[in-house]
Amino acid sequence: MWAHIIRSVPNVTLVVSEDLHRKMRAHPEVKWSEVVRRAIAQRIQDLERMDALARKSHLASADVDEIGHLVKEGLRRRYERARKGSGA
């Protein structure tokens, strides 16, 4: 005799566009819930890693804001150079 323990697990509802849903239906062999579950798990792992680094940081909030601004500005300049170089 086997005893089965049934655990209740939370459900998450995901809203996608009609176009994306149509493309997903074109591939019924893919377990889309597993794709989403893995993507969420990876993002959580990344966030936990960043949280661990932040806990060890001695930077003040203003320092973090300034670094964020500098990174965004550098990315903006890189994007503009690439865009000009492609003739767009």
Protein backbone atom coordinates (compact mmCIF):
# COMPACT_ATOMS: atom_id res chain seq x y z
CA MET A 1 0.00 0.00 0.00
CA TRP A 2 1.28 3.44 -0.98
CA ALA A 3 0.47 6.64 0.80
CA HIS A 4 0.55 9.75 -1.34
CA ILE A 5 1.16 13.13 0.18
CA ILE A 6 -0.42 15.87 -1.86
CA ARG A 7 1.04 19.30 -1.35
CA SER A 8 -0.76 22.41 -2.40
CA VAL A 9 1.42 24.57 -4.62
CA PRO A 10 0.66 28.14 -5.61
CA ASN A 11 -0.48 28.95 -9.13
CA VAL A 12 0.64 31.99 -11.06
CA THR A 13 -1.42 33.44 -13.86
CA LEU A 14 0.50 34.83 -16.80
CA VAL A 15 -0.93 37.23 -19.37
CA VAL A 16 0.56 37.08 -22.88
CA SER A 17 -0.43 38.73 -26.14
CA GLU A 18 -2.58 36.87 -28.66
CA ASP A 19 0.38 36.75 -31.06
CA LEU A 20 2.66 35.20 -28.46
CA HIS A 21 -0.04 32.73 -27.44
CA ARG A 22 -0.52 31.69 -31.07
CA LYS A 23 3.22 31.09 -31.41
CA MET A 24 3.27 29.07 -28.19
CA ARG A 25 0.38 26.91 -29.42
CA ALA A 26 2.39 26.21 -32.58
CA HIS A 27 4.82 24.27 -30.34
CA PRO A 28 2.72 22.00 -28.12
CA GLU A 29 5.76 19.83 -27.45
CA VAL A 30 7.18 22.56 -25.22
CA LYS A 31 6.14 22.56 -21.57
CA TRP A 32 5.70 26.31 -21.32
CA SER A 33 5.06 26.25 -17.59
CA GLU A 34 8.48 24.63 -17.16
CA VAL A 35 10.11 27.28 -19.37
CA VAL A 36 8.58 30.02 -17.23
CA ARG A 37 9.41 28.22 -13.98
CA ARG A 38 13.09 27.95 -14.99
CA ALA A 39 13.24 31.60 -16.09
CA ILE A 40 11.78 32.72 -12.76
CA ALA A 41 14.18 30.47 -10.83
CA GLN A 42 17.14 31.91 -12.75
CA ARG A 43 16.02 35.48 -12.11
CA ILE A 44 15.56 34.73 -8.39
CA GLN A 45 19.07 33.23 -8.28
CA ASP A 46 20.47 36.38 -9.92
CA LEU A 47 18.60 38.63 -7.49
CA GLU A 48 19.78 36.63 -4.49
CA ARG A 49 23.36 36.90 -5.74
CA MET A 50 22.97 40.68 -6.11
CA ASP A 51 21.40 40.91 -2.63
CA ALA A 52 24.35 39.02 -1.17
CA LEU A 53 26.79 41.41 -2.85
CA ALA A 54 24.79 44.43 -1.70
CA ARG A 55 24.82 43.24 1.91
CA LYS A 56 28.62 43.25 1.83
CA SER A 57 28.78 46.67 0.16
CA HIS A 58 29.85 49.82 1.96
CA LEU A 59 28.33 52.09 -0.69
CA ALA A 60 25.74 54.63 0.32
CA SER A 61 22.47 54.89 -1.58
CA ALA A 62 23.70 58.05 -3.31
CA ASP A 63 26.81 56.17 -4.49
CA VAL A 64 24.65 53.42 -5.97
CA ASP A 65 22.46 55.99 -7.73
CA GLU A 66 25.53 57.71 -9.20
CA ILE A 67 27.01 54.41 -10.43
CA GLY A 68 23.65 53.49 -11.95
CA HIS A 69 23.51 56.84 -13.72
CA LEU A 70 27.04 56.39 -15.10
CA VAL A 71 26.27 52.87 -16.35
CA LYS A 72 23.06 54.00 -18.04
CA GLU A 73 24.82 56.95 -19.64
CA GLY A 74 27.58 54.69 -20.96
CA LEU A 75 25.02 52.27 -22.39
CA ARG A 76 23.12 55.14 -24.01
CA ARG A 77 26.31 56.40 -25.69
CA ARG A 78 27.22 52.88 -26.86
CA TYR A 79 23.73 52.41 -28.30
CA GLU A 80 23.89 55.76 -30.11
CA ARG A 81 27.32 54.95 -31.61
CA ALA A 82 26.10 51.54 -32.77
CA ARG A 83 22.95 53.07 -34.22
CA LYS A 84 24.91 55.72 -36.14
CA GLY A 85 27.35 53.07 -37.35
CA SER A 86 24.54 50.92 -38.76
CA GLY A 87 23.05 53.83 -40.66
CA ALA A 88 19.72 53.60 -38.83
